């Protein structure tokens, strides 16, 4: 792993069909400064936790976004197999993103392919990096007029969401590195220029999109154990494997902190791990085609 790879992906990211949304020299310099500073912190052979935070905090500031949530996960190679198995999850600590984080995971496919999205998963399966706003992901006009979307927007206090996704095909699965940026109520929607800025920062450093922590053995056995968990337990696994606190997970799911801890103990026992740190290492082994999607 190099500290700074300015162009790790050979494909030009798909940021929409606007032809007049190029970046200025100042934009390029600002994006490069964020990439250089975060890449300096991404020491070879280590999990670049701080480096990812610096990169995504910097990108959020550049985009005037109020929060972000990043997910690195795996999915099957067909629409029928689609279900993101999150490996790593990081969220912005500056502004709470509780129910927004739950929604982001659902929209990214952590709990099965969401039927309401339009083309998001097909774009990922095509293997090309892309940036899409929530209005480009949902059916036309849904984000601005559908009662369920309007209720959701009020609950999370977000007027616009931006998805930045890098899919990478393997021999039998797809690795998806994705960040969702949020913009608070009252702010204008993300522009085409800002979509290009998000692409310029997020797709440049290769270390963001990789898992460097060593994987534990017996992945097939572990995936089978995950498949035997209850629906609620399967939904909690990626949250417990993230950097979210128990109270935050409780607020996202509508459960008390003590209930989350009780579930955690039960999940640790079922999966043969001792704590959340061990769970984070093991989550990388989940095969999305083995673990059953909750209904």
Protein backbone atom coordinates (compact mmCIF):
# COMPACT_ATOMS: atom_id res chain seq x y z
CA UNK A 1 0.00 0.00 0.00
CA UNK A 2 1.44 3.35 -1.02
CA UNK A 3 0.82 6.47 1.01
CA UNK A 4 -0.60 8.38 -1.91
CA UNK A 5 -1.90 6.92 -5.14
CA UNK A 6 -3.53 9.75 -7.09
CA UNK A 7 -5.26 7.48 -9.63
CA UNK A 8 -5.86 3.93 -8.38
CA UNK A 9 -8.95 3.29 -10.52
CA UNK A 10 -8.74 3.32 -14.32
CA UNK A 11 -12.37 4.31 -14.91
CA UNK A 12 -13.67 7.88 -14.93
CA UNK A 13 -16.37 8.14 -12.24
CA UNK A 14 -19.94 8.60 -13.47
CA UNK A 15 -21.21 11.80 -11.84
CA UNK A 16 -24.28 12.42 -14.03
CA UNK A 17 -24.90 13.93 -17.43
CA UNK A 18 -24.01 17.60 -16.77
CA UNK A 19 -21.41 18.81 -19.25
CA UNK A 20 -20.62 22.14 -17.52
CA UNK A 21 -19.70 20.80 -14.09
CA UNK A 22 -15.90 20.80 -14.37
CA UNK A 23 -13.66 21.61 -11.40
CA UNK A 24 -11.65 24.80 -11.12
CA UNK A 25 -7.94 24.91 -10.33
CA UNK A 26 -8.82 25.94 -6.77
CA UNK A 27 -11.11 22.90 -6.44
CA UNK A 28 -8.33 20.58 -7.58
CA UNK A 29 -5.85 22.13 -5.13
CA UNK A 30 -8.32 21.87 -2.23
CA UNK A 31 -9.12 18.23 -2.99
CA UNK A 32 -5.43 17.41 -3.37
CA UNK A 33 -4.61 18.92 0.02
CA UNK A 34 -7.21 16.73 1.75
CA UNK A 35 -5.95 13.61 -0.03
CA UNK A 36 -2.30 14.37 0.77
CA UNK A 37 -2.93 15.01 4.47
CA UNK A 38 -5.06 11.91 4.95
CA UNK A 39 -2.68 9.73 2.91
CA UNK A 40 0.19 10.82 5.15
CA UNK A 41 -1.69 9.22 8.05
CA UNK A 42 -2.39 5.96 6.20
CA UNK A 43 0.68 4.05 7.36
CA UNK A 44 1.33 0.86 5.33
CA UNK A 45 0.15 -2.32 7.02
CA UNK A 46 -2.23 -0.61 9.44
CA UNK A 47 -5.98 -0.10 9.44
CA UNK A 48 -6.23 3.56 8.31
CA UNK A 49 -9.01 4.57 10.72
CA UNK A 50 -7.74 8.10 11.43
CA UNK A 51 -6.81 8.61 7.78
CA UNK A 52 -10.34 7.76 6.66
CA UNK A 53 -11.82 10.17 9.17
CA UNK A 54 -9.51 12.98 8.03
CA UNK A 55 -10.35 12.31 4.38
CA UNK A 56 -14.11 12.16 4.88
CA UNK A 57 -14.26 15.08 7.32
CA UNK A 58 -12.29 17.10 4.79
CA UNK A 59 -14.55 16.04 1.94
CA UNK A 60 -17.64 16.93 3.98
CA UNK A 61 -16.24 20.38 4.71
CA UNK A 62 -15.42 20.88 1.04
CA UNK A 63 -18.98 19.87 0.07
CA UNK A 64 -20.64 21.84 2.88
CA UNK A 65 -22.11 18.53 4.06
CA UNK A 66 -23.18 18.15 7.69
CA UNK A 67 -22.47 14.45 8.13
CA UNK A 68 -21.26 11.31 6.43
CA UNK A 69 -21.41 7.56 6.76
CA UNK A 70 -18.88 5.24 5.06
CA UNK A 71 -19.38 1.52 4.48
CA UNK A 72 -16.98 -1.05 3.07
CA UNK A 73 -18.81 -4.28 2.26
CA UNK A 74 -19.24 -7.25 -0.04
CA UNK A 75 -22.12 -8.28 -2.28
CA UNK A 76 -22.94 -11.05 -4.73
CA UNK A 77 -22.31 -10.65 -8.44
CA UNK A 78 -25.95 -10.73 -9.60
CA UNK A 79 -29.11 -8.81 -8.75
CA UNK A 80 -30.59 -11.91 -7.16
CA UNK A 81 -27.59 -12.32 -4.85
CA UNK A 82 -27.44 -8.64 -3.93
CA UNK A 83 -27.02 -8.06 -0.22
CA UNK A 84 -24.22 -5.94 1.16
CA UNK A 85 -22.35 -7.67 3.99
CA UNK A 86 -20.72 -4.69 5.78
CA UNK A 87 -17.06 -5.20 6.69
CA UNK A 88 -16.26 -1.77 8.12
CA UNK A 89 -18.53 1.14 9.04
CA UNK A 90 -17.49 4.66 10.06
CA UNK A 91 -19.73 7.66 10.71
CA UNK A 92 -19.24 11.36 11.18
CA UNK A 93 -18.91 12.34 14.82
CA UNK A 94 -19.64 16.06 14.37
CA UNK A 95 -23.38 15.79 13.70
CA UNK A 96 -25.55 12.86 14.87
CA UNK A 97 -26.59 10.53 12.05
CA UNK A 98 -28.56 7.90 13.90
CA UNK A 99 -31.64 7.05 11.87
CA UNK A 100 -29.80 8.39 8.84
CA UNK A 101 -27.13 5.73 9.34
CA UNK A 102 -29.78 3.01 9.52
CA UNK A 103 -31.37 4.32 6.34
CA UNK A 104 -27.99 4.51 4.58
CA UNK A 105 -27.22 0.88 5.38
CA UNK A 106 -30.66 -0.17 4.14
CA UNK A 107 -30.30 1.86 0.93
CA UNK A 108 -26.86 0.36 0.33
CA UNK A 109 -28.35 -3.13 0.64
CA UNK A 110 -27.17 -4.27 4.08
CA UNK A 111 -30.56 -5.86 4.73
CA UNK A 112 -31.41 -6.99 1.20
CA UNK A 113 -31.90 -5.20 -2.12
CA UNK A 114 -34.19 -2.21 -1.47
CA UNK A 115 -37.06 -2.33 -3.98
CA UNK A 116 -37.57 1.45 -4.00
CA UNK A 117 -34.15 2.35 -5.40
CA UNK A 118 -33.73 3.01 -9.10
CA UNK A 119 -30.52 1.76 -10.66
CA UNK A 120 -28.26 2.13 -7.61
CA UNK A 121 -27.40 -1.55 -7.38
CA UNK A 122 -27.36 -2.05 -11.15
CA UNK A 123 -24.76 0.72 -11.40
CA UNK A 124 -22.65 -1.01 -8.75
CA UNK A 125 -22.94 -4.38 -10.51
CA UNK A 126 -21.68 -2.70 -13.70
CA UNK A 127 -18.42 -2.10 -11.81
CA UNK A 128 -17.98 1.60 -12.54
CA UNK A 129 -17.50 4.19 -9.76
CA UNK A 130 -20.37 6.67 -9.56
CA UNK A 131 -21.87 9.55 -7.59
CA UNK A 132 -25.64 9.98 -7.22
CA UNK A 133 -27.87 12.23 -5.18
CA UNK A 134 -30.92 10.80 -3.41
CA UNK A 135 -33.12 12.30 -6.14
CA UNK A 136 -31.22 10.23 -8.71
CA UNK A 137 -31.58 7.06 -6.64
CA UNK A 138 -35.29 7.16 -5.82
CA UNK A 139 -38.14 7.23 -8.38
CA UNK A 140 -38.76 10.66 -9.98
CA UNK A 141 -40.14 13.28 -7.56
CA UNK A 142 -40.30 10.79 -4.66
CA UNK A 143 -37.80 12.60 -2.43
CA UNK A 144 -39.69 15.89 -2.83
CA UNK A 145 -43.30 14.72 -2.73
CA UNK A 146 -43.72 11.16 -1.44
CA UNK A 147 -45.25 11.29 2.08
CA UNK A 148 -42.89 8.58 3.41
CA UNK A 149 -39.82 10.44 2.10
CA UNK A 150 -41.04 13.77 3.50
CA UNK A 151 -41.63 12.17 6.91
CA UNK A 152 -38.18 10.62 6.83
CA UNK A 153 -36.56 13.94 5.87
CA UNK A 154 -38.18 15.61 8.86
CA UNK A 155 -37.08 12.86 11.22
CA UNK A 156 -33.39 12.97 10.25
CA UNK A 157 -33.26 16.72 9.51
CA UNK A 158 -31.67 16.16 6.11
CA UNK A 159 -32.76 17.82 2.86
CA UNK A 160 -30.29 16.10 0.53
CA UNK A 161 -28.12 12.97 0.49
CA UNK A 162 -25.20 12.17 -1.80
CA UNK A 163 -24.00 8.60 -2.49
CA UNK A 164 -20.41 8.08 -3.69
CA UNK A 165 -19.76 4.45 -4.60
CA UNK A 166 -16.70 2.50 -5.77
CA UNK A 167 -17.50 -1.13 -6.74
CA UNK A 168 -14.61 -3.54 -7.35
CA UNK A 169 -15.28 -6.97 -8.87
CA UNK A 170 -13.57 -10.07 -7.57
CA UNK A 171 -13.77 -13.65 -8.82
CA UNK A 172 -16.97 -14.47 -6.94
CA UNK A 173 -18.08 -11.30 -5.15
CA UNK A 174 -18.23 -7.54 -5.39
CA UNK A 175 -16.49 -5.23 -2.90
CA UNK A 176 -18.35 -1.93 -2.48
CA UNK A 177 -16.80 1.13 -0.84
CA UNK A 178 -19.47 3.80 -0.39
CA UNK A 179 -19.97 7.03 1.53
CA UNK A 180 -23.24 8.90 2.05
CA UNK A 181 -22.96 12.65 2.65
CA UNK A 182 -25.91 14.49 4.20
CA UNK A 183 -26.98 18.13 3.98
CA UNK A 184 -29.23 19.59 6.69
CA UNK A 185 -32.73 21.00 6.32
CA UNK A 186 -32.78 24.40 4.67
CA UNK A 187 -29.57 23.90 2.70
CA UNK A 188 -29.66 23.78 -1.13
CA UNK A 189 -29.27 20.43 -2.93
CA UNK A 190 -25.84 19.11 -3.88
CA UNK A 191 -24.73 20.50 -7.23
CA UNK A 192 -23.02 18.77 -10.17
CA UNK A 193 -19.76 20.54 -9.20
CA UNK A 194 -20.03 19.15 -5.68
CA UNK A 195 -20.62 15.66 -7.04
CA UNK A 196 -17.37 16.01 -8.97
CA UNK A 197 -15.60 17.25 -5.84
CA UNK A 198 -16.85 14.21 -3.91
CA UNK A 199 -15.56 11.95 -6.66
CA UNK A 200 -12.18 13.73 -6.78
CA UNK A 201 -11.60 13.20 -3.05
CA UNK A 202 -13.19 9.80 -2.44
CA UNK A 203 -11.93 7.84 -5.43
CA UNK A 204 -8.29 9.04 -5.35
CA UNK A 205 -6.61 7.23 -2.39
CA UNK A 206 -6.60 3.46 -2.84
CA UNK A 207 -6.21 2.77 0.90
CA UNK A 208 -9.74 4.03 1.60
CA UNK A 209 -11.27 1.14 -0.32
CA UNK A 210 -9.29 -1.75 1.18
CA UNK A 211 -9.32 -3.83 4.34
CA UNK A 212 -5.84 -4.21 5.79
CA UNK A 213 -6.64 -5.97 9.06
CA UNK A 214 -5.87 -9.73 8.91
CA UNK A 215 -8.89 -11.94 8.34
CA UNK A 216 -9.62 -14.83 10.66
CA UNK A 217 -9.86 -18.39 9.25
CA UNK A 218 -12.94 -20.58 8.66
CA UNK A 219 -15.05 -18.04 6.81
CA UNK A 220 -17.58 -20.61 5.60
CA UNK A 221 -18.29 -21.76 9.16
CA UNK A 222 -18.64 -18.17 10.32
CA UNK A 223 -21.05 -17.30 7.50
CA UNK A 224 -23.15 -20.33 8.42
CA UNK A 225 -23.31 -19.10 12.02
CA UNK A 226 -24.48 -15.68 10.83
CA UNK A 227 -27.17 -17.35 8.73
CA UNK A 228 -28.54 -19.02 11.88
CA UNK A 229 -29.00 -15.71 13.72
CA UNK A 230 -32.46 -14.20 14.06
CA UNK A 231 -33.57 -11.36 11.78
CA UNK A 232 -32.96 -8.74 14.49
CA UNK A 233 -29.55 -10.21 15.36
CA UNK A 234 -28.47 -10.14 11.70
CA UNK A 235 -29.45 -6.49 11.48
CA UNK A 236 -27.44 -5.68 14.59
CA UNK A 237 -24.23 -7.46 13.49
CA UNK A 238 -22.95 -4.67 11.16
CA UNK A 239 -23.91 -2.02 13.71
CA UNK A 240 -22.04 -3.79 16.51
CA UNK A 241 -19.06 -4.16 14.15
CA UNK A 242 -19.02 -0.40 13.55
CA UNK A 243 -17.69 2.43 15.71
CA UNK A 244 -21.20 3.35 16.90
CA UNK A 245 -21.78 3.31 20.66
CA UNK A 246 -24.43 1.13 22.29
CA UNK A 247 -26.60 4.18 23.01
CA UNK A 248 -26.35 5.30 19.37
CA UNK A 249 -27.31 1.85 18.10
CA UNK A 250 -30.25 1.87 20.49
CA UNK A 251 -31.41 5.25 19.21
CA UNK A 252 -31.16 4.02 15.61
CA UNK A 253 -33.13 0.83 16.22
CA UNK A 254 -35.63 2.01 18.83
CA UNK A 255 -34.19 -0.32 21.50
CA UNK A 256 -32.76 0.55 24.89
CA UNK A 257 -29.02 0.51 25.50
CA UNK A 258 -29.38 -2.43 27.89
CA UNK A 259 -31.35 -4.37 25.28
CA UNK A 260 -28.59 -3.76 22.71
CA UNK A 261 -26.00 -5.04 25.18
CA UNK A 262 -28.10 -8.15 25.83
CA UNK A 263 -28.33 -8.78 22.09
CA UNK A 264 -24.57 -8.19 21.78
CA UNK A 265 -23.75 -10.87 24.36
CA UNK A 266 -26.05 -13.31 22.61
CA UNK A 267 -24.51 -12.53 19.20
CA UNK A 268 -20.95 -12.83 20.53
CA UNK A 269 -21.78 -16.25 21.98
CA UNK A 270 -23.43 -17.44 18.76
CA UNK A 271 -20.53 -16.29 16.56
CA UNK A 272 -17.77 -17.44 18.90
CA UNK A 273 -16.21 -14.02 19.51
CA UNK A 274 -15.36 -12.35 22.82
CA UNK A 275 -16.08 -8.68 22.14
CA UNK A 276 -16.82 -6.04 19.49
CA UNK A 277 -13.19 -5.79 18.40
CA UNK A 278 -13.16 -9.51 17.59
CA UNK A 279 -16.50 -9.13 15.82
CA UNK A 280 -15.08 -6.39 13.57
CA UNK A 281 -12.33 -8.73 12.40
CA UNK A 282 -14.75 -11.58 11.76
CA UNK A 283 -17.40 -9.58 9.88
CA UNK A 284 -15.02 -9.43 6.90
CA UNK A 285 -15.66 -13.15 6.38
CA UNK A 286 -19.42 -12.94 5.85
CA UNK A 287 -20.45 -14.21 2.44
CA UNK A 288 -23.58 -12.25 1.43
CA UNK A 289 -24.88 -15.28 -0.46
CA UNK A 290 -24.78 -17.46 2.64
CA UNK A 291 -26.29 -15.19 5.26
CA UNK A 292 -30.04 -15.05 4.74
CA UNK A 293 -31.47 -11.54 4.12
CA UNK A 294 -33.98 -10.52 6.81
CA UNK A 295 -37.52 -10.15 5.53
